[in-house]
Amino acid sequence: MALRNAAVAAAGQWTDPDDGIRYPSGEVHAWERGRNETACGLSLSRSRLARFPHVSWADVQPESGRHAEEVAAVCRRCAAALGARRDDRGWTRTNPRP
C-alpha cells in the first residue's frame, strides 16, 4: 500500500489554545483519507482512533516537531509502510563481537 499523502489517526487529541485546532496525541498511525483502516491494518472504528485529515504524517514525526508536541509514540508498522528505513534504529552497538 503506497501512501503518498497520508493523514494521521491517533489514540488521543489535544486542542491548541492559540488557534483552537485539534491535534493528535498519544500513539499515532498513518491513515489514507477515504479508507477505514490504518497503514498497518488497524480498523479505525474498532481501535477507537480519531481521524485528523488536516494533519499530514510528516508533521507528527518527532524530528519535525511541528505537531508532534503531544505525540507519545509513532507506530513502527505504519512508518515502515510509508518507507521508513530499517537501519534507522534508536540504538547503536558500542562493543561489537570479534
C-alpha atoms as a PDB file:
ATOM      1  CA  MET A   1       0.000   0.000   0.000  1.00  0.00           C
ATOM      2  CA  ALA A   2       1.786   3.087  -1.215  1.00  0.00           C
ATOM      3  CA  LEU A   3       0.509   6.173   0.546  1.00  0.00           C
ATOM      4  CA  ARG A   4       1.691   9.417  -0.915  1.00  0.00           C
ATOM      5  CA  ASN A   5      -0.064  11.928   1.292  1.00  0.00           C
ATOM      6  CA  ALA A   6      -1.086  10.047   4.403  1.00  0.00           C
ATOM      7  CA  ALA A   7      -3.046  11.725   7.136  1.00  0.00           C
ATOM      8  CA  VAL A   8      -2.970  10.790  10.818  1.00  0.00           C
ATOM      9  CA  ALA A   9      -5.162   8.726  13.097  1.00  0.00           C
ATOM     10  CA  ALA A  10      -4.366   8.849  16.808  1.00  0.00           C
ATOM     11  CA  ALA A  11      -5.406   7.436  20.150  1.00  0.00           C
ATOM     12  CA  GLY A  12      -5.993  10.881  21.666  1.00  0.00           C
ATOM     13  CA  GLN A  13      -6.327  14.530  20.827  1.00  0.00           C
ATOM     14  CA  TRP A  14      -5.473  17.928  22.249  1.00  0.00           C
ATOM     15  CA  THR A  15      -6.634  21.394  21.284  1.00  0.00           C
ATOM     16  CA  ASP A  16      -4.167  24.192  20.716  1.00  0.00           C
ATOM     17  CA  PRO A  17      -5.232  27.114  22.921  1.00  0.00           C
ATOM     18  CA  ASP A  18      -3.867  29.694  20.478  1.00  0.00           C
ATOM     19  CA  ASP A  19      -5.818  28.741  17.358  1.00  0.00           C
ATOM     20  CA  GLY A  20      -8.397  26.225  18.675  1.00  0.00           C
ATOM     21  CA  ILE A  21      -7.432  23.462  16.229  1.00  0.00           C
ATOM     22  CA  ARG A  22      -7.295  19.882  17.481  1.00  0.00           C
ATOM     23  CA  TYR A  23      -4.111  17.878  17.012  1.00  0.00           C
ATOM     24  CA  PRO A  24      -3.191  14.213  17.626  1.00  0.00           C
ATOM     25  CA  SER A  25      -1.732  12.907  20.863  1.00  0.00           C
ATOM     26  CA  GLY A  26      -0.717   9.517  22.211  1.00  0.00           C
ATOM     27  CA  GLU A  27       0.091   6.820  19.669  1.00  0.00           C
ATOM     28  CA  VAL A  28      -0.215   7.951  16.042  1.00  0.00           C
ATOM     29  CA  HIS A  29      -0.858   5.857  12.931  1.00  0.00           C
ATOM     30  CA  ALA A  30      -0.745   6.629   9.205  1.00  0.00           C
ATOM     31  CA  TRP A  31      -4.175   6.770   7.581  1.00  0.00           C
ATOM     32  CA  GLU A  32      -5.273   7.309   3.988  1.00  0.00           C
ATOM     33  CA  ARG A  33      -8.312   9.506   3.506  1.00  0.00           C
ATOM     34  CA  GLY A  34     -11.331   7.535   2.324  1.00  0.00           C
ATOM     35  CA  ARG A  35     -10.285   4.282   3.999  1.00  0.00           C
ATOM     36  CA  ASN A  36     -11.401   2.822   7.297  1.00  0.00           C
ATOM     37  CA  GLU A  37      -8.052   1.353   8.298  1.00  0.00           C
ATOM     38  CA  THR A  38      -4.545   2.490   9.045  1.00  0.00           C
ATOM     39  CA  ALA A  39      -1.475   1.610   7.001  1.00  0.00           C
ATOM     40  CA  CYS A  40      -0.637  -1.139   9.494  1.00  0.00           C
ATOM     41  CA  GLY A  41      -4.110  -2.695   9.157  1.00  0.00           C
ATOM     42  CA  LEU A  42      -5.895  -1.468  12.293  1.00  0.00           C
ATOM     43  CA  SER A  43      -9.572  -0.693  11.928  1.00  0.00           C
ATOM     44  CA  LEU A  44     -10.262   2.912  12.905  1.00  0.00           C
ATOM     45  CA  SER A  45     -13.621   2.235  14.499  1.00  0.00           C
ATOM     46  CA  ARG A  46     -12.627  -0.902  16.434  1.00  0.00           C
ATOM     47  CA  SER A  47      -9.406   0.656  17.677  1.00  0.00           C
ATOM     48  CA  ARG A  48     -11.227   3.887  18.565  1.00  0.00           C
ATOM     49  CA  LEU A  49      -8.719   6.033  16.732  1.00  0.00           C
ATOM     50  CA  ALA A  50      -9.576   9.655  15.982  1.00  0.00           C
ATOM     51  CA  ARG A  51      -9.027  10.881  12.431  1.00  0.00           C
ATOM     52  CA  PHE A  52      -7.015  14.005  11.687  1.00  0.00           C
ATOM     53  CA  PRO A  53      -7.340  14.696   7.932  1.00  0.00           C
ATOM     54  CA  HIS A  54      -5.791  18.173   8.318  1.00  0.00           C
ATOM     55  CA  VAL A  55      -2.527  16.801   9.798  1.00  0.00           C
ATOM     56  CA  SER A  56      -0.030  15.090   7.500  1.00  0.00           C
ATOM     57  CA  TRP A  57       2.128  12.127   8.518  1.00  0.00           C
ATOM     58  CA  ALA A  58       5.320  14.162   8.178  1.00  0.00           C
ATOM     59  CA  ASP A  59       4.045  16.726  10.705  1.00  0.00           C
ATOM     60  CA  VAL A  60       3.742  14.238  13.580  1.00  0.00           C
ATOM     61  CA  GLN A  61       7.250  12.819  13.308  1.00  0.00           C
ATOM     62  CA  PRO A  62       9.378  13.675  16.364  1.00  0.00           C
ATOM     63  CA  GLU A  63      12.130  15.008  14.096  1.00  0.00           C
ATOM     64  CA  SER A  64       9.818  17.618  12.556  1.00  0.00           C
ATOM     65  CA  GLY A  65       8.428  18.904  15.828  1.00  0.00           C
ATOM     66  CA  ARG A  66       5.595  20.663  14.042  1.00  0.00           C
ATOM     67  CA  HIS A  67       2.511  18.945  15.515  1.00  0.00           C
ATOM     68  CA  ALA A  68       4.424  16.309  17.480  1.00  0.00           C
ATOM     69  CA  GLU A  69       4.231  18.053  20.850  1.00  0.00           C
ATOM     70  CA  GLU A  70       1.809  15.585  22.459  1.00  0.00           C
ATOM     71  CA  VAL A  71       2.765  12.502  20.406  1.00  0.00           C
ATOM     72  CA  ALA A  72       3.930   9.702  22.682  1.00  0.00           C
ATOM     73  CA  ALA A  73       4.703   7.002  20.092  1.00  0.00           C
ATOM     74  CA  VAL A  74       4.770   6.553  16.335  1.00  0.00           C
ATOM     75  CA  CYS A  75       3.557   3.195  15.014  1.00  0.00           C
ATOM     76  CA  ARG A  76       6.553   1.298  13.627  1.00  0.00           C
ATOM     77  CA  ARG A  77       4.473  -0.710  11.173  1.00  0.00           C
ATOM     78  CA  CYS A  78       2.885   2.425   9.732  1.00  0.00           C
ATOM     79  CA  ALA A  79       6.308   4.061   9.464  1.00  0.00           C
ATOM     80  CA  ALA A  80       7.609   1.005   7.612  1.00  0.00           C
ATOM     81  CA  ALA A  81       4.611   1.053   5.269  1.00  0.00           C
ATOM     82  CA  LEU A  82       5.457   4.641   4.378  1.00  0.00           C
ATOM     83  CA  GLY A  83       9.097   3.899   3.656  1.00  0.00           C
ATOM     84  CA  ALA A  84      10.994   4.335   6.901  1.00  0.00           C
ATOM     85  CA  ARG A  85      14.455   2.844   6.726  1.00  0.00           C
ATOM     86  CA  ARG A  86      15.168  -0.279   8.730  1.00  0.00           C
ATOM     87  CA  ASP A  87      18.642   0.902   9.660  1.00  0.00           C
ATOM     88  CA  ASP A  88      17.199   3.925  11.499  1.00  0.00           C
ATOM     89  CA  ARG A  89      17.342   2.260  14.885  1.00  0.00           C
ATOM     90  CA  GLY A  90      17.291   4.017  18.210  1.00  0.00           C
ATOM     91  CA  TRP A  91      20.288   2.067  19.469  1.00  0.00           C
ATOM     92  CA  THR A  92      23.900   1.541  18.364  1.00  0.00           C
ATOM     93  CA  ARG A  93      26.278  -1.294  19.091  1.00  0.00           C
ATOM     94  CA  THR A  94      29.169   0.032  21.158  1.00  0.00           C
ATOM     95  CA  ASN A  95      31.257  -3.108  21.629  1.00  0.00           C
ATOM     96  CA  PRO A  96      30.928  -5.441  18.622  1.00  0.00           C
ATOM     97  CA  ARG A  97      31.960  -9.043  18.903  1.00  0.00           C
ATOM     98  CA  PRO A  98      35.175 -10.074  17.114  1.00  0.00           C
END
